[in-house]
């Protein structure tokens, strides 16, 4: 099962913890993760189900390409990191 990790900054807004869930795409993995942590869903995803602008997602250290459909592939041994995106200089 894939490991989903949330940045500690998210804990300020909603209860989160790392968890392992099954899935072959980022969408499938996140849907399973949000079953266990429903309050974090609306913070990570927008009302259309895409990744919010202030969030970034990485699969095995590589930023995902599909922020809207979350169709990037995930292996059973993958790690998905969800972090708050930073901007500025």
C-alpha atoms as a PDB file:
ATOM      1  CA  UNK A   1       0.000   0.000   0.000  1.00  0.00           C
ATOM      2  CA  UNK A   2       1.119   3.543  -0.693  1.00  0.00           C
ATOM      3  CA  UNK A   3       2.200   5.771   2.178  1.00  0.00           C
ATOM      4  CA  UNK A   4       0.493   9.183   2.364  1.00  0.00           C
ATOM      5  CA  UNK A   5       2.323  11.830   4.378  1.00  0.00           C
ATOM      6  CA  UNK A   6       0.978  15.235   5.336  1.00  0.00           C
ATOM      7  CA  UNK A   7       3.157  18.196   6.225  1.00  0.00           C
ATOM      8  CA  UNK A   8       3.053  19.231   9.861  1.00  0.00           C
ATOM      9  CA  UNK A   9       1.704  22.636   8.783  1.00  0.00           C
ATOM     10  CA  UNK A  10      -1.596  20.978   7.844  1.00  0.00           C
ATOM     11  CA  UNK A  11      -2.026  19.888  11.449  1.00  0.00           C
ATOM     12  CA  UNK A  12      -2.675  23.540  12.335  1.00  0.00           C
ATOM     13  CA  UNK A  13      -5.844  23.417  10.238  1.00  0.00           C
ATOM     14  CA  UNK A  14      -7.089  19.842  10.596  1.00  0.00           C
ATOM     15  CA  UNK A  15      -6.071  16.598  12.287  1.00  0.00           C
ATOM     16  CA  UNK A  16      -3.699  14.596  10.083  1.00  0.00           C
ATOM     17  CA  UNK A  17      -1.358  11.647  10.384  1.00  0.00           C
ATOM     18  CA  UNK A  18       0.576   9.481   7.958  1.00  0.00           C
ATOM     19  CA  UNK A  19      -1.307   6.458   6.698  1.00  0.00           C
ATOM     20  CA  UNK A  20      -1.028   3.608   4.220  1.00  0.00           C
ATOM     21  CA  UNK A  21      -3.798   3.085   1.684  1.00  0.00           C
ATOM     22  CA  UNK A  22      -4.296   1.179  -1.554  1.00  0.00           C
ATOM     23  CA  UNK A  23      -4.640   2.700  -5.007  1.00  0.00           C
ATOM     24  CA  UNK A  24      -2.987   2.886  -8.419  1.00  0.00           C
ATOM     25  CA  UNK A  25      -3.448   6.639  -9.056  1.00  0.00           C
ATOM     26  CA  UNK A  26      -3.100   9.700  -6.874  1.00  0.00           C
ATOM     27  CA  UNK A  27      -6.914  10.080  -7.026  1.00  0.00           C
ATOM     28  CA  UNK A  28      -7.535   6.542  -5.770  1.00  0.00           C
ATOM     29  CA  UNK A  29      -4.989   6.873  -2.982  1.00  0.00           C
ATOM     30  CA  UNK A  30      -6.281  10.266  -1.839  1.00  0.00           C
ATOM     31  CA  UNK A  31      -9.908   9.101  -1.964  1.00  0.00           C
ATOM     32  CA  UNK A  32      -8.961   6.208   0.331  1.00  0.00           C
ATOM     33  CA  UNK A  33      -6.970   8.521   2.612  1.00  0.00           C
ATOM     34  CA  UNK A  34      -9.879  10.944   2.907  1.00  0.00           C
ATOM     35  CA  UNK A  35     -12.146   8.117   4.047  1.00  0.00           C
ATOM     36  CA  UNK A  36      -9.887   7.848   7.081  1.00  0.00           C
ATOM     37  CA  UNK A  37      -9.323  11.625   7.408  1.00  0.00           C
ATOM     38  CA  UNK A  38     -12.442  13.306   5.987  1.00  0.00           C
ATOM     39  CA  UNK A  39     -11.767  16.752   7.461  1.00  0.00           C
ATOM     40  CA  UNK A  40      -8.554  17.190   5.473  1.00  0.00           C
ATOM     41  CA  UNK A  41     -10.213  16.624   2.071  1.00  0.00           C
ATOM     42  CA  UNK A  42     -11.619  20.130   1.695  1.00  0.00           C
ATOM     43  CA  UNK A  43      -8.294  21.631   2.672  1.00  0.00           C
ATOM     44  CA  UNK A  44      -6.346  19.615   0.067  1.00  0.00           C
ATOM     45  CA  UNK A  45      -8.884  19.468  -2.800  1.00  0.00           C
ATOM     46  CA  UNK A  46     -11.022  22.208  -4.340  1.00  0.00           C
ATOM     47  CA  UNK A  47     -14.767  21.927  -5.020  1.00  0.00           C
ATOM     48  CA  UNK A  48     -14.028  20.323  -8.418  1.00  0.00           C
ATOM     49  CA  UNK A  49     -11.869  17.613  -6.828  1.00  0.00           C
ATOM     50  CA  UNK A  50      -8.547  19.000  -8.049  1.00  0.00           C
ATOM     51  CA  UNK A  51      -5.555  19.892  -5.937  1.00  0.00           C
ATOM     52  CA  UNK A  52      -5.946  23.353  -4.407  1.00  0.00           C
ATOM     53  CA  UNK A  53      -3.567  26.070  -5.598  1.00  0.00           C
ATOM     54  CA  UNK A  54      -1.955  26.341  -2.176  1.00  0.00           C
ATOM     55  CA  UNK A  55      -1.138  22.617  -2.094  1.00  0.00           C
ATOM     56  CA  UNK A  56       1.594  20.569  -3.764  1.00  0.00           C
ATOM     57  CA  UNK A  57       1.671  16.798  -4.146  1.00  0.00           C
ATOM     58  CA  UNK A  58       4.688  14.591  -4.826  1.00  0.00           C
ATOM     59  CA  UNK A  59       4.851  10.897  -5.684  1.00  0.00           C
ATOM     60  CA  UNK A  60       8.197   9.400  -4.756  1.00  0.00           C
ATOM     61  CA  UNK A  61       9.757  12.862  -4.683  1.00  0.00           C
ATOM     62  CA  UNK A  62       8.420  13.979  -8.099  1.00  0.00           C
ATOM     63  CA  UNK A  63       5.756  16.682  -8.283  1.00  0.00           C
ATOM     64  CA  UNK A  64       2.544  15.351  -9.834  1.00  0.00           C
ATOM     65  CA  UNK A  65       1.725  16.465 -13.372  1.00  0.00           C
ATOM     66  CA  UNK A  66      -2.077  16.200 -13.224  1.00  0.00           C
ATOM     67  CA  UNK A  67      -3.390  18.561 -10.556  1.00  0.00           C
ATOM     68  CA  UNK A  68      -6.978  18.414 -11.865  1.00  0.00           C
ATOM     69  CA  UNK A  69      -7.755  14.715 -12.332  1.00  0.00           C
ATOM     70  CA  UNK A  70      -4.928  13.391 -10.119  1.00  0.00           C
ATOM     71  CA  UNK A  71      -4.278  10.617 -12.632  1.00  0.00           C
ATOM     72  CA  UNK A  72      -0.537  10.224 -11.935  1.00  0.00           C
ATOM     73  CA  UNK A  73       0.427   6.588 -11.334  1.00  0.00           C
ATOM     74  CA  UNK A  74       1.160   5.252  -7.875  1.00  0.00           C
ATOM     75  CA  UNK A  75       2.914   1.995  -7.040  1.00  0.00           C
ATOM     76  CA  UNK A  76       2.184  -0.084  -3.955  1.00  0.00           C
ATOM     77  CA  UNK A  77       5.556   1.030  -2.585  1.00  0.00           C
ATOM     78  CA  UNK A  78       5.077   4.730  -3.409  1.00  0.00           C
ATOM     79  CA  UNK A  79       5.113   7.618  -0.967  1.00  0.00           C
ATOM     80  CA  UNK A  80       2.802  10.567  -1.582  1.00  0.00           C
ATOM     81  CA  UNK A  81       3.704  13.794   0.163  1.00  0.00           C
ATOM     82  CA  UNK A  82       1.092  16.550   0.496  1.00  0.00           C
ATOM     83  CA  UNK A  83       2.508  19.929   1.423  1.00  0.00           C
ATOM     84  CA  UNK A  84       1.489  23.550   1.386  1.00  0.00           C
ATOM     85  CA  UNK A  85       2.929  25.288  -1.648  1.00  0.00           C
ATOM     86  CA  UNK A  86       5.120  28.297  -0.945  1.00  0.00           C
ATOM     87  CA  UNK A  87       5.483  31.421  -3.013  1.00  0.00           C
ATOM     88  CA  UNK A  88       7.301  34.667  -2.710  1.00  0.00           C
ATOM     89  CA  UNK A  89      10.899  35.646  -2.726  1.00  0.00           C
END
